[in-house]
């Protein structure tokens, strides 16, 4: 397993991050523990979860597994924002909710600190200064080692970076964006900001909910019945079922055949070789799927195949002012 520094920090994380979103839902505890064990055996040290994943069950499963491990060997990341109770202050990024949420996450994880604490989403109802000053308090208290954000827009990310620097608060260390062969808009602003400000990039959903898994192909008129895309309310089918997506999948299929790898391995490997990316998050539902995804560590895509995938996945239209 390759290790990379998380942005401008001295923290070293594995080049693949294990996402625990499935734990406690589609993946039961026994299989979750098998996945954690196999990931650790492969050299992985970076585990990502969130308080809202399955109402805290994901954190609890990770926490029970951590009790059998040397805590210092792992970089554990979790997130705050999502609704965790019925009350008006059980969601968001207010000082009250963040302070309550970190203590609840620490209890579920069975640890005294979180290595990376991330704001899961932007909160329109809370001043950013309130949230960031609270995160600084958590770092100073030793409950949190590093802080990051997820799903921020360009202006939101830059504002957060600047506020931390201006007030002498703990700096942001990372961004967790959606970035895949089918989602390349982070290249317009988010990735340049991360490069300029020294932030690590931890990408989520590298297979875009199964679109790049090999289960989707040109000519389909509906998603597979057991896929995430078939879940009511996702709207993923309407967004991605178009000629551009089918062209990307065609090229991904051809490249995978040329290098003798699976489509998921090539889709993840493309991300691992993209400039600025620290670690894609892989979230396997089964131990067998983890074995396949770990294969992304075992090869490199040559430049001409990276260029082929880059060209195929480039958005057909780019909005103003990015085309100038």
Protein backbone atom coordinates (compact mmCIF):
# COMPACT_ATOMS: atom_id res chain seq x y z
CA UNK A 1 0.00 0.00 0.00
CA UNK A 2 1.31 3.41 -0.95
CA UNK A 3 1.15 6.13 1.72
CA UNK A 4 0.68 9.84 1.09
CA UNK A 5 0.76 12.92 3.25
CA UNK A 6 -2.64 14.47 3.82
CA UNK A 7 -2.19 17.80 2.09
CA UNK A 8 0.40 20.00 3.74
CA UNK A 9 0.25 18.07 7.03
CA UNK A 10 2.72 15.48 8.22
CA UNK A 11 -0.04 12.88 8.56
CA UNK A 12 0.51 9.82 6.36
CA UNK A 13 -2.55 7.98 5.06
CA UNK A 14 -2.93 4.95 2.81
CA UNK A 15 -3.53 5.65 -0.86
CA UNK A 16 -6.92 4.01 -0.54
CA UNK A 17 -9.37 5.03 2.20
CA UNK A 18 -11.91 2.51 3.47
CA UNK A 19 -15.41 3.94 3.52
CA UNK A 20 -17.68 2.48 6.20
CA UNK A 21 -21.02 3.82 5.00
CA UNK A 22 -22.38 0.31 4.38
CA UNK A 23 -21.52 -0.95 7.87
CA UNK A 24 -24.60 -1.65 9.93
CA UNK A 25 -26.95 -1.57 6.95
CA UNK A 26 -26.32 -3.57 3.77
CA UNK A 27 -23.17 -4.98 5.39
CA UNK A 28 -23.65 -6.77 8.71
CA UNK A 29 -21.12 -6.61 11.53
CA UNK A 30 -19.44 -9.92 10.72
CA UNK A 31 -18.71 -8.92 7.13
CA UNK A 32 -17.79 -5.40 8.25
CA UNK A 33 -15.12 -6.82 10.54
CA UNK A 34 -13.84 -9.06 7.75
CA UNK A 35 -13.57 -6.02 5.48
CA UNK A 36 -11.74 -4.01 8.15
CA UNK A 37 -9.35 -6.86 8.83
CA UNK A 38 -8.59 -7.45 5.13
CA UNK A 39 -8.07 -3.73 4.54
CA UNK A 40 -5.63 -3.54 7.47
CA UNK A 41 -3.83 -6.69 6.29
CA UNK A 42 -3.34 -5.00 2.90
CA UNK A 43 -1.66 -2.05 4.62
CA UNK A 44 -4.63 0.30 4.77
CA UNK A 45 -4.68 2.68 7.72
CA UNK A 46 -7.32 5.24 6.68
CA UNK A 47 -10.97 4.65 7.65
CA UNK A 48 -13.80 7.08 6.87
CA UNK A 49 -17.25 7.08 8.48
CA UNK A 50 -19.86 9.58 9.69
CA UNK A 51 -22.22 9.89 12.63
CA UNK A 52 -25.23 9.84 10.33
CA UNK A 53 -24.28 6.56 8.61
CA UNK A 54 -27.02 4.16 9.69
CA UNK A 55 -27.87 6.25 12.75
CA UNK A 56 -24.44 5.75 14.31
CA UNK A 57 -24.19 1.99 13.66
CA UNK A 58 -21.24 2.46 11.31
CA UNK A 59 -19.21 4.29 13.96
CA UNK A 60 -20.14 1.67 16.56
CA UNK A 61 -18.95 -1.20 14.37
CA UNK A 62 -15.68 0.57 13.59
CA UNK A 63 -15.27 1.32 17.28
CA UNK A 64 -15.79 -2.26 18.41
CA UNK A 65 -13.24 -3.43 15.84
CA UNK A 66 -10.74 -0.77 16.94
CA UNK A 67 -10.76 -2.19 20.47
CA UNK A 68 -8.86 -5.22 19.15
CA UNK A 69 -6.30 -3.03 17.37
CA UNK A 70 -3.49 -0.65 18.24
CA UNK A 71 -5.37 2.66 17.97
CA UNK A 72 -2.28 4.60 16.92
CA UNK A 73 -1.97 2.53 13.74
CA UNK A 74 -5.13 3.99 12.22
CA UNK A 75 -6.32 7.31 10.89
CA UNK A 76 -10.02 7.46 11.73
CA UNK A 77 -12.17 10.09 10.04
CA UNK A 78 -15.78 10.93 10.78
CA UNK A 79 -18.20 13.73 9.96
CA UNK A 80 -20.78 16.04 11.50
CA UNK A 81 -23.89 17.78 10.11
CA UNK A 82 -26.59 15.15 9.66
CA UNK A 83 -29.71 14.77 11.78
CA UNK A 84 -29.04 12.58 14.82
CA UNK A 85 -32.24 13.16 16.81
CA UNK A 86 -35.70 14.78 16.73
CA UNK A 87 -34.77 18.09 18.33
CA UNK A 88 -34.13 21.40 16.54
CA UNK A 89 -30.45 21.31 17.56
CA UNK A 90 -29.82 17.70 16.55
CA UNK A 91 -28.57 18.68 13.11
CA UNK A 92 -26.29 21.24 11.50
CA UNK A 93 -23.03 22.95 12.38
CA UNK A 94 -23.97 25.09 15.39
CA UNK A 95 -21.55 25.17 18.31
CA UNK A 96 -24.06 23.21 20.38
CA UNK A 97 -24.58 20.45 17.84
CA UNK A 98 -20.89 20.09 16.96
CA UNK A 99 -19.92 19.81 20.64
CA UNK A 100 -22.68 17.29 21.29
CA UNK A 101 -21.88 15.37 18.10
CA UNK A 102 -18.15 14.95 18.71
CA UNK A 103 -18.76 13.52 22.18
CA UNK A 104 -21.36 11.11 20.78
CA UNK A 105 -19.00 10.05 17.96
CA UNK A 106 -16.17 9.45 20.43
CA UNK A 107 -18.44 7.26 22.54
CA UNK A 108 -19.54 5.21 19.54
CA UNK A 109 -15.98 4.89 18.24
CA UNK A 110 -14.65 4.03 21.69
CA UNK A 111 -11.72 6.40 21.32
CA UNK A 112 -10.46 9.55 22.98
CA UNK A 113 -9.86 11.41 19.72
CA UNK A 114 -10.77 11.50 16.04
CA UNK A 115 -7.88 11.90 13.62
CA UNK A 116 -9.88 13.82 10.99
CA UNK A 117 -13.17 15.56 11.79
CA UNK A 118 -15.06 16.77 8.73
CA UNK A 119 -17.99 19.08 8.11
CA UNK A 120 -20.29 16.85 6.06
CA UNK A 121 -22.17 19.68 4.32
CA UNK A 122 -22.46 23.45 4.34
CA UNK A 123 -24.93 24.85 6.90
CA UNK A 124 -26.82 27.94 5.73
CA UNK A 125 -28.24 28.49 9.23
CA UNK A 126 -24.94 28.79 11.12
CA UNK A 127 -22.22 31.44 10.71
CA UNK A 128 -19.08 29.78 9.46
CA UNK A 129 -17.07 31.57 12.14
CA UNK A 130 -19.13 29.81 14.81
CA UNK A 131 -18.42 26.41 13.32
CA UNK A 132 -14.72 26.90 12.60
CA UNK A 133 -13.99 28.41 16.01
CA UNK A 134 -15.69 25.40 17.57
CA UNK A 135 -13.50 23.03 15.54
CA UNK A 136 -10.45 24.95 16.72
CA UNK A 137 -11.62 24.42 20.31
CA UNK A 138 -11.85 20.68 19.66
CA UNK A 139 -8.33 20.56 18.25
CA UNK A 140 -6.96 22.46 21.24
CA UNK A 141 -8.84 20.11 23.58
CA UNK A 142 -7.24 17.07 21.92
CA UNK A 143 -10.55 15.57 20.80
CA UNK A 144 -9.70 16.18 17.14
CA UNK A 145 -6.30 16.05 15.43
CA UNK A 146 -7.11 17.50 11.98
CA UNK A 147 -10.16 19.11 10.38
CA UNK A 148 -11.64 18.95 6.91
CA UNK A 149 -14.80 19.60 4.91
CA UNK A 150 -16.92 17.64 2.47
CA UNK A 151 -19.29 18.72 -0.32
CA UNK A 152 -18.31 22.41 -0.18
CA UNK A 153 -18.43 24.64 -3.24
CA UNK A 154 -15.40 26.64 -4.32
CA UNK A 155 -16.33 29.88 -2.58
CA UNK A 156 -17.31 28.04 0.59
CA UNK A 157 -14.00 26.18 0.71
CA UNK A 158 -11.91 29.29 0.10
CA UNK A 159 -13.86 31.25 2.72
CA UNK A 160 -13.25 28.51 5.28
CA UNK A 161 -9.53 28.41 4.51
CA UNK A 162 -9.24 32.18 4.78
CA UNK A 163 -11.20 32.47 8.03
CA UNK A 164 -9.00 29.87 9.69
CA UNK A 165 -5.84 31.67 8.58
CA UNK A 166 -7.14 35.14 9.53
CA UNK A 167 -8.21 34.08 13.04
CA UNK A 168 -5.29 31.79 13.81
CA UNK A 169 -7.57 28.76 14.05
CA UNK A 170 -6.60 25.19 13.23
CA UNK A 171 -6.31 25.07 9.42
CA UNK A 172 -8.30 22.88 7.09
CA UNK A 173 -6.34 19.80 6.06
CA UNK A 174 -8.60 18.18 3.49
CA UNK A 175 -11.59 18.26 1.19
CA UNK A 176 -13.85 15.28 0.50
CA UNK A 177 -15.52 15.89 -2.89
CA UNK A 178 -17.43 13.82 -5.40
CA UNK A 179 -14.85 13.26 -8.15
CA UNK A 180 -15.07 10.42 -10.68
CA UNK A 181 -14.75 9.73 -14.39
CA UNK A 182 -18.37 10.90 -14.60
CA UNK A 183 -17.98 13.91 -12.26
CA UNK A 184 -15.05 16.15 -13.19
CA UNK A 185 -16.34 19.58 -12.20
CA UNK A 186 -14.03 19.66 -9.12
CA UNK A 187 -11.25 20.38 -11.62
CA UNK A 188 -12.75 23.82 -12.28
CA UNK A 189 -12.28 25.31 -8.80
CA UNK A 190 -12.06 22.81 -5.96
CA UNK A 191 -8.87 21.00 -6.97
CA UNK A 192 -7.00 24.24 -7.81
CA UNK A 193 -7.95 25.63 -4.38
CA UNK A 194 -6.73 22.45 -2.70
CA UNK A 195 -3.44 22.62 -4.58
CA UNK A 196 -2.96 26.31 -3.80
CA UNK A 197 -3.89 25.98 -0.12
CA UNK A 198 -2.21 22.64 0.62
CA UNK A 199 -5.34 20.55 1.21
CA UNK A 200 -5.53 16.80 0.77
CA UNK A 201 -8.26 15.43 -1.49
CA UNK A 202 -10.25 12.35 -0.42
CA UNK A 203 -12.72 11.50 -3.17
CA UNK A 204 -16.00 9.71 -2.50
CA UNK A 205 -18.02 7.28 -4.65
CA UNK A 206 -15.28 6.47 -7.20
CA UNK A 207 -17.67 4.11 -9.04
CA UNK A 208 -20.51 6.64 -8.87
CA UNK A 209 -23.01 4.39 -7.12
CA UNK A 210 -22.25 1.52 -9.47
CA UNK A 211 -22.30 3.33 -12.80
CA UNK A 212 -18.62 2.44 -13.32
CA UNK A 213 -18.82 -1.05 -11.80
CA UNK A 214 -19.48 -2.94 -15.02
CA UNK A 215 -23.19 -3.39 -14.26
CA UNK A 216 -24.25 -0.56 -16.59
CA UNK A 217 -23.89 -0.55 -20.35
CA UNK A 218 -25.10 1.18 -23.46
CA UNK A 219 -28.63 0.22 -24.47
CA UNK A 220 -30.03 -0.08 -20.95
CA UNK A 221 -33.39 1.58 -20.39
CA UNK A 222 -33.46 1.23 -16.59
CA UNK A 223 -30.92 0.53 -13.82
CA UNK A 224 -30.37 -2.95 -12.36
CA UNK A 225 -33.04 -3.67 -9.75
CA UNK A 226 -30.56 -4.20 -6.90
CA UNK A 227 -28.39 -1.13 -7.60
CA UNK A 228 -28.17 2.10 -5.63
CA UNK A 229 -29.35 3.90 -8.75
CA UNK A 230 -32.69 2.07 -8.53
CA UNK A 231 -33.37 3.52 -5.05
CA UNK A 232 -36.35 5.90 -5.22
CA UNK A 233 -35.42 9.55 -4.95
CA UNK A 234 -31.81 9.26 -6.09
CA UNK A 235 -32.48 10.75 -9.56
CA UNK A 236 -29.15 9.25 -10.62
CA UNK A 237 -30.61 7.51 -13.65
CA UNK A 238 -32.04 10.73 -15.07
CA UNK A 239 -28.75 12.53 -14.52
CA UNK A 240 -26.35 9.98 -15.97
CA UNK A 241 -28.28 7.94 -18.56
CA UNK A 242 -26.95 9.85 -21.58
CA UNK A 243 -24.52 9.49 -24.47
CA UNK A 244 -21.61 10.99 -22.52
CA UNK A 245 -21.92 8.38 -19.77
CA UNK A 246 -22.19 5.51 -22.24
CA UNK A 247 -19.11 6.80 -24.06
CA UNK A 248 -17.14 6.92 -20.79
CA UNK A 249 -18.24 3.39 -19.91
CA UNK A 250 -17.33 2.16 -23.40
CA UNK A 251 -13.82 3.57 -23.07
CA UNK A 252 -13.44 2.33 -19.50
CA UNK A 253 -14.44 -1.15 -20.66
CA UNK A 254 -11.92 -1.05 -23.49
CA UNK A 255 -9.07 0.17 -21.27
CA UNK A 256 -9.87 -2.44 -18.62
CA UNK A 257 -9.70 -5.18 -21.27
CA UNK A 258 -6.38 -3.85 -22.58
CA UNK A 259 -4.71 -3.92 -19.15
CA UNK A 260 -6.45 -7.11 -17.99
CA UNK A 261 -8.20 -5.47 -15.04
CA UNK A 262 -11.77 -5.04 -13.86
CA UNK A 263 -13.69 -1.84 -14.51
CA UNK A 264 -13.78 -0.90 -10.80
CA UNK A 265 -10.00 -1.33 -10.53
CA UNK A 266 -9.38 0.93 -13.51
CA UNK A 267 -11.89 3.58 -12.36
CA UNK A 268 -10.24 3.72 -8.93
CA UNK A 269 -6.73 3.62 -10.38
CA UNK A 270 -7.52 6.59 -12.63
CA UNK A 271 -8.36 8.59 -9.52
CA UNK A 272 -5.24 7.43 -7.69
CA UNK A 273 -3.12 8.81 -10.54
CA UNK A 274 -4.94 12.13 -10.90
CA UNK A 275 -2.95 15.20 -9.78
CA UNK A 276 -3.81 16.33 -6.28
CA UNK A 277 -5.80 13.26 -5.22
CA UNK A 278 -4.67 11.85 -1.88
CA UNK A 279 -6.92 8.79 -1.60
CA UNK A 280 -10.16 7.61 -3.18
CA UNK A 281 -12.67 6.24 -0.69
CA UNK A 282 -13.69 2.68 -1.49
CA UNK A 283 -16.88 1.48 0.19
CA UNK A 284 -17.28 -2.23 -0.56
CA UNK A 285 -20.46 -4.00 0.51
CA UNK A 286 -18.77 -7.41 0.75
CA UNK A 287 -15.28 -8.74 1.54
CA UNK A 288 -15.10 -10.14 -1.98
CA UNK A 289 -15.74 -6.72 -3.48
CA UNK A 290 -12.98 -5.29 -1.29
CA UNK A 291 -10.55 -7.85 -2.73
CA UNK A 292 -11.36 -6.60 -6.22
CA UNK A 293 -10.99 -2.93 -5.31
CA UNK A 294 -7.67 -3.50 -3.55
CA UNK A 295 -6.39 -4.66 -6.93
CA UNK A 296 -6.17 -0.99 -7.88
CA UNK A 297 -2.94 -0.95 -5.86
CA UNK A 298 -1.26 -3.56 -8.03
CA UNK A 299 -0.76 -1.75 -11.32
CA UNK A 300 -0.37 1.63 -12.99
CA UNK A 301 -2.16 3.00 -16.00
CA UNK A 302 0.37 4.08 -18.63
CA UNK A 303 0.19 7.72 -19.79
CA UNK A 304 -1.52 6.94 -23.10
CA UNK A 305 -4.35 5.11 -21.32
CA UNK A 306 -4.70 7.88 -18.72
CA UNK A 307 -4.98 10.32 -21.63
CA UNK A 308 -7.58 8.11 -23.28
CA UNK A 309 -9.75 8.09 -20.16
CA UNK A 310 -9.18 11.81 -19.59
CA UNK A 311 -10.34 12.61 -23.10
CA UNK A 312 -13.38 10.33 -22.96
CA UNK A 313 -14.55 11.64 -19.59
CA UNK A 314 -14.02 15.35 -20.26
CA UNK A 315 -17.39 17.11 -19.96
CA UNK A 316 -18.89 17.91 -23.36
CA UNK A 317 -19.67 21.46 -22.23
CA UNK A 318 -17.88 23.66 -19.70
CA UNK A 319 -19.69 26.64 -18.16
CA UNK A 320 -18.46 30.23 -18.15
CA UNK A 321 -15.86 31.37 -17.17
CA UNK A 322 -14.01 28.04 -17.17
CA UNK A 323 -13.87 27.72 -20.94
CA UNK A 324 -12.00 31.03 -21.32
